[in-house]
Amino acid sequence: MKHFEQQNSQPIQHQEVNKKHGVPALISFFIPGMGQLIKGHIGKAFLIWLLIVGAFVIFAIGGVSTQQGDDSKAVLTLLGLVALVVIFFWNIYDAYNSN
């Protein structure tokens, strides 16, 4: 019985779990940058907004006058689209994993 009391007398250490992961990630899915803003990462939120605007401008420049035989505009369109997708998913990942 003494052995049992010794084991129970030691304090149990609990890990603090940050439960603020899912909601910011979900909000970032619908409004990119808002998850970072909720967590207090204002600089990251503005960076995401600037990156999205920049990628959209590249996408729009490439898509405005895409003509046959003009591969440079098609490359800009594709580059802008890929950048938008990468930024979007990185935004959700960052909102979920950052503290």
N, C-alpha and C. Protein backbone atom coordinates (compact mmCIF):
# COMPACT_ATOMS: atom_id res chain seq x y z
N MET A 1 0.82 -1.20 0.00
CA MET A 1 0.00 0.00 0.00
C MET A 1 0.86 1.26 0.00
N LYS A 2 1.99 1.19 0.66
CA LYS A 2 2.87 2.33 0.72
C LYS A 2 3.39 2.69 -0.68
N HIS A 3 3.68 1.69 -1.47
CA HIS A 3 4.16 1.92 -2.83
C HIS A 3 3.09 2.64 -3.66
N PHE A 4 1.84 2.27 -3.48
CA PHE A 4 0.74 2.92 -4.19
C PHE A 4 0.61 4.39 -3.79
N GLU A 5 0.80 4.71 -2.53
CA GLU A 5 0.69 6.08 -2.05
C GLU A 5 1.83 6.94 -2.60
N GLN A 6 2.99 6.38 -2.73
CA GLN A 6 4.11 7.13 -3.27
C GLN A 6 3.85 7.50 -4.74
N GLN A 7 3.30 6.60 -5.48
CA GLN A 7 3.03 6.89 -6.88
C GLN A 7 1.96 7.98 -7.01
N ASN A 8 0.96 7.97 -6.20
CA ASN A 8 -0.12 8.94 -6.29
C ASN A 8 0.22 10.28 -5.67
N SER A 9 1.25 10.34 -4.84
CA SER A 9 1.59 11.61 -4.21
C SER A 9 2.35 12.54 -5.16
N GLN A 10 2.86 12.00 -6.25
CA GLN A 10 3.57 12.83 -7.21
C GLN A 10 2.57 13.64 -8.02
N PRO A 11 2.87 14.91 -8.22
CA PRO A 11 1.93 15.73 -8.99
C PRO A 11 1.89 15.30 -10.46
N ILE A 12 0.71 15.30 -10.98
CA ILE A 12 0.53 14.94 -12.39
C ILE A 12 0.70 16.19 -13.22
N GLN A 13 1.54 16.10 -14.21
CA GLN A 13 1.79 17.24 -15.08
C GLN A 13 0.88 17.15 -16.29
N HIS A 14 0.19 18.22 -16.55
CA HIS A 14 -0.70 18.28 -17.70
C HIS A 14 -0.07 19.17 -18.76
N GLN A 15 -0.18 18.72 -19.98
CA GLN A 15 0.28 19.56 -21.07
C GLN A 15 -0.81 20.55 -21.41
N GLU A 16 -0.39 21.79 -21.60
CA GLU A 16 -1.35 22.81 -22.00
C GLU A 16 -1.58 22.67 -23.50
N VAL A 17 -2.82 22.51 -23.87
CA VAL A 17 -3.16 22.31 -25.27
C VAL A 17 -3.80 23.58 -25.79
N ASN A 18 -3.27 24.09 -26.88
CA ASN A 18 -3.84 25.27 -27.51
C ASN A 18 -5.01 24.83 -28.37
N LYS A 19 -6.21 25.20 -27.98
CA LYS A 19 -7.41 24.77 -28.69
C LYS A 19 -7.83 25.76 -29.77
N LYS A 20 -7.00 26.74 -30.04
CA LYS A 20 -7.36 27.77 -31.01
C LYS A 20 -6.71 27.46 -32.37
N HIS A 21 -6.95 26.29 -32.89
CA HIS A 21 -6.37 25.93 -34.18
C HIS A 21 -7.44 25.82 -35.26
N GLY A 22 -8.49 25.07 -34.99
CA GLY A 22 -9.49 24.77 -36.00
C GLY A 22 -10.30 25.96 -36.46
N VAL A 23 -10.71 26.80 -35.54
CA VAL A 23 -11.55 27.94 -35.91
C VAL A 23 -10.80 28.93 -36.80
N PRO A 24 -9.59 29.35 -36.46
CA PRO A 24 -8.87 30.25 -37.37
C PRO A 24 -8.61 29.63 -38.75
N ALA A 25 -8.33 28.33 -38.78
CA ALA A 25 -8.11 27.66 -40.07
C ALA A 25 -9.38 27.65 -40.90
N LEU A 26 -10.50 27.39 -40.25
CA LEU A 26 -11.78 27.38 -40.96
C LEU A 26 -12.13 28.77 -41.48
N ILE A 27 -11.91 29.77 -40.67
CA ILE A 27 -12.19 31.14 -41.11
C ILE A 27 -11.24 31.54 -42.24
N SER A 28 -9.98 31.09 -42.17
CA SER A 28 -9.03 31.39 -43.24
C SER A 28 -9.41 30.71 -44.54
N PHE A 29 -10.14 29.61 -44.46
CA PHE A 29 -10.62 28.96 -45.67
C PHE A 29 -11.59 29.86 -46.42
N PHE A 30 -12.44 30.56 -45.68
CA PHE A 30 -13.44 31.42 -46.31
C PHE A 30 -12.93 32.85 -46.56
N ILE A 31 -12.13 33.36 -45.64
CA ILE A 31 -11.56 34.71 -45.78
C ILE A 31 -10.07 34.62 -45.49
N PRO A 32 -9.25 34.50 -46.53
CA PRO A 32 -7.80 34.36 -46.32
C PRO A 32 -7.23 35.51 -45.49
N GLY A 33 -6.41 35.15 -44.52
CA GLY A 33 -5.76 36.13 -43.66
C GLY A 33 -6.50 36.39 -42.36
N MET A 34 -7.76 36.05 -42.30
CA MET A 34 -8.53 36.33 -41.07
C MET A 34 -8.11 35.42 -39.92
N GLY A 35 -7.70 34.21 -40.20
CA GLY A 35 -7.23 33.31 -39.14
C GLY A 35 -5.99 33.86 -38.46
N GLN A 36 -5.09 34.42 -39.26
CA GLN A 36 -3.89 35.04 -38.69
C GLN A 36 -4.27 36.28 -37.89
N LEU A 37 -5.23 37.03 -38.37
CA LEU A 37 -5.69 38.23 -37.67
C LEU A 37 -6.31 37.85 -36.33
N ILE A 38 -7.08 36.78 -36.30
CA ILE A 38 -7.70 36.31 -35.05
C ILE A 38 -6.64 35.91 -34.04
N LYS A 39 -5.58 35.29 -34.50
CA LYS A 39 -4.51 34.87 -33.60
C LYS A 39 -3.58 36.01 -33.22
N GLY A 40 -3.79 37.19 -33.80
CA GLY A 40 -2.98 38.35 -33.45
C GLY A 40 -1.76 38.56 -34.33
N HIS A 41 -1.67 37.82 -35.41
CA HIS A 41 -0.54 37.95 -36.34
C HIS A 41 -0.93 38.93 -37.45
N ILE A 42 -0.94 40.19 -37.10
CA ILE A 42 -1.41 41.23 -38.02
C ILE A 42 -0.50 41.35 -39.23
N GLY A 43 0.80 41.26 -39.03
CA GLY A 43 1.75 41.35 -40.14
C GLY A 43 1.55 40.23 -41.15
N LYS A 44 1.33 39.01 -40.65
CA LYS A 44 1.10 37.88 -41.55
C LYS A 44 -0.20 38.07 -42.33
N ALA A 45 -1.23 38.60 -41.68
CA ALA A 45 -2.50 38.81 -42.36
C ALA A 45 -2.32 39.80 -43.51
N PHE A 46 -1.64 40.91 -43.25
CA PHE A 46 -1.40 41.89 -44.32
C PHE A 46 -0.51 41.31 -45.42
N LEU A 47 0.47 40.50 -45.05
CA LEU A 47 1.32 39.86 -46.04
C LEU A 47 0.51 38.93 -46.94
N ILE A 48 -0.38 38.16 -46.35
CA ILE A 48 -1.23 37.27 -47.14
C ILE A 48 -2.11 38.07 -48.09
N TRP A 49 -2.69 39.16 -47.59
CA TRP A 49 -3.54 39.98 -48.46
C TRP A 49 -2.74 40.58 -49.61
N LEU A 50 -1.52 41.05 -49.32
CA LEU A 50 -0.68 41.61 -50.39
C LEU A 50 -0.27 40.53 -51.40
N LEU A 51 0.07 39.35 -50.92
CA LEU A 51 0.44 38.27 -51.83
C LEU A 51 -0.73 37.85 -52.71
N ILE A 52 -1.92 37.81 -52.14
CA ILE A 52 -3.10 37.45 -52.92
C ILE A 52 -3.38 38.50 -53.98
N VAL A 53 -3.30 39.76 -53.62
CA VAL A 53 -3.52 40.83 -54.60
C VAL A 53 -2.46 40.76 -55.70
N GLY A 54 -1.20 40.55 -55.32
CA GLY A 54 -0.14 40.44 -56.32
C GLY A 54 -0.33 39.26 -57.26
N ALA A 55 -0.69 38.11 -56.70
CA ALA A 55 -0.91 36.93 -57.54
C ALA A 55 -2.12 37.13 -58.45
N PHE A 56 -3.14 37.79 -57.93
CA PHE A 56 -4.32 38.05 -58.76
C PHE A 56 -3.99 39.02 -59.89
N VAL A 57 -3.16 40.02 -59.61
CA VAL A 57 -2.75 40.97 -60.66
C VAL A 57 -1.96 40.24 -61.74
N ILE A 58 -1.04 39.35 -61.34
CA ILE A 58 -0.28 38.57 -62.32
C ILE A 58 -1.22 37.70 -63.15
N PHE A 59 -2.17 37.07 -62.47
CA PHE A 59 -3.16 36.23 -63.16
C PHE A 59 -3.99 37.06 -64.14
N ALA A 60 -4.41 38.25 -63.71
CA ALA A 60 -5.25 39.11 -64.55
C ALA A 60 -4.47 39.65 -65.75
N ILE A 61 -3.22 40.03 -65.54
CA ILE A 61 -2.40 40.54 -66.64
C ILE A 61 -2.24 39.46 -67.71
N GLY A 62 -2.01 38.25 -67.27
CA GLY A 62 -1.85 37.15 -68.22
C GLY A 62 -3.14 36.79 -68.91
N GLY A 63 -4.27 36.95 -68.23
CA GLY A 63 -5.54 36.53 -68.80
C GLY A 63 -6.24 37.58 -69.63
N VAL A 64 -5.82 38.84 -69.52
CA VAL A 64 -6.52 39.92 -70.22
C VAL A 64 -6.40 39.78 -71.73
N SER A 65 -5.20 39.59 -72.20
CA SER A 65 -5.03 39.57 -73.66
C SER A 65 -4.30 38.32 -74.11
N THR A 66 -4.79 37.18 -73.70
CA THR A 66 -4.19 35.94 -74.16
C THR A 66 -4.65 35.67 -75.59
N GLN A 67 -3.71 35.70 -76.48
CA GLN A 67 -4.00 35.46 -77.88
C GLN A 67 -3.23 34.22 -78.31
N GLN A 68 -3.65 33.66 -79.42
CA GLN A 68 -2.94 32.49 -79.92
C GLN A 68 -1.51 32.88 -80.29
N GLY A 69 -0.58 32.06 -79.88
CA GLY A 69 0.81 32.32 -80.18
C GLY A 69 1.51 33.20 -79.17
N ASP A 70 0.79 33.70 -78.18
CA ASP A 70 1.41 34.55 -77.16
C ASP A 70 1.57 33.73 -75.88
N ASP A 71 2.67 32.99 -75.82
CA ASP A 71 2.90 32.08 -74.71
C ASP A 71 3.28 32.80 -73.42
N SER A 72 3.84 33.99 -73.52
CA SER A 72 4.25 34.70 -72.30
C SER A 72 3.04 35.07 -71.45
N LYS A 73 1.94 35.43 -72.09
CA LYS A 73 0.72 35.76 -71.34
C LYS A 73 0.13 34.50 -70.70
N ALA A 74 0.20 33.38 -71.41
CA ALA A 74 -0.31 32.13 -70.85
C ALA A 74 0.52 31.69 -69.65
N VAL A 75 1.82 31.93 -69.71
CA VAL A 75 2.70 31.59 -68.59
C VAL A 75 2.36 32.46 -67.38
N LEU A 76 2.10 33.74 -67.61
CA LEU A 76 1.71 34.63 -66.51
C LEU A 76 0.38 34.19 -65.89
N THR A 77 -0.56 33.80 -66.73
CA THR A 77 -1.84 33.32 -66.22
C THR A 77 -1.65 32.09 -65.35
N LEU A 78 -0.88 31.14 -65.84
CA LEU A 78 -0.62 29.92 -65.08
C LEU A 78 0.15 30.21 -63.80
N LEU A 79 1.15 31.07 -63.88
CA LEU A 79 1.94 31.44 -62.70
C LEU A 79 1.06 32.11 -61.64
N GLY A 80 0.20 33.02 -62.06
CA GLY A 80 -0.70 33.67 -61.13
C GLY A 80 -1.67 32.71 -60.49
N LEU A 81 -2.19 31.77 -61.27
CA LEU A 81 -3.12 30.78 -60.74
C LEU A 81 -2.44 29.85 -59.74
N VAL A 82 -1.25 29.38 -60.07
CA VAL A 82 -0.50 28.52 -59.14
C VAL A 82 -0.17 29.27 -57.86
N ALA A 83 0.23 30.53 -58.00
CA ALA A 83 0.55 31.34 -56.81
C ALA A 83 -0.68 31.52 -55.93
N LEU A 84 -1.84 31.76 -56.53
CA LEU A 84 -3.07 31.91 -55.74
C LEU A 84 -3.40 30.64 -54.97
N VAL A 85 -3.26 29.50 -55.61
CA VAL A 85 -3.55 28.23 -54.94
C VAL A 85 -2.56 27.96 -53.81
N VAL A 86 -1.28 28.19 -54.06
CA VAL A 86 -0.26 27.96 -53.03
C VAL A 86 -0.47 28.89 -51.83
N ILE A 87 -0.73 30.16 -52.10
CA ILE A 87 -0.96 31.12 -51.02
C ILE A 87 -2.20 30.75 -50.22
N PHE A 88 -3.24 30.32 -50.91
CA PHE A 88 -4.49 29.95 -50.24
C PHE A 88 -4.27 28.79 -49.27
N PHE A 89 -3.61 27.72 -49.72
CA PHE A 89 -3.41 26.57 -48.84
C PHE A 89 -2.37 26.86 -47.75
N TRP A 90 -1.34 27.66 -48.05
CA TRP A 90 -0.38 28.03 -47.02
C TRP A 90 -1.06 28.86 -45.93
N ASN A 91 -2.00 29.72 -46.34
CA ASN A 91 -2.76 30.54 -45.42
C ASN A 91 -3.51 29.67 -44.41
N ILE A 92 -4.17 28.63 -44.89
CA ILE A 92 -4.92 27.73 -44.00
C ILE A 92 -3.96 26.95 -43.10
N TYR A 93 -2.89 26.43 -43.68
CA TYR A 93 -1.90 25.69 -42.90
C TYR A 93 -1.30 26.56 -41.80
N ASP A 94 -0.96 27.80 -42.13
CA ASP A 94 -0.37 28.69 -41.15
C ASP A 94 -1.36 29.07 -40.06
N ALA A 95 -2.60 29.29 -40.43
CA ALA A 95 -3.62 29.63 -39.42
C ALA A 95 -3.83 28.48 -38.45
N TYR A 96 -3.68 27.26 -38.92
CA TYR A 96 -3.86 26.09 -38.06
C TYR A 96 -2.65 25.85 -37.16
N ASN A 97 -1.45 26.01 -37.70
CA ASN A 97 -0.24 25.62 -36.98
C ASN A 97 0.47 26.72 -36.20
N SER A 98 0.21 27.97 -36.49
CA SER A 98 0.94 29.02 -35.77
C SER A 98 0.35 29.23 -34.38
N ASN A 99 1.16 29.77 -33.49
CA ASN A 99 0.70 30.00 -32.12
C ASN A 99 0.44 31.44 -31.87
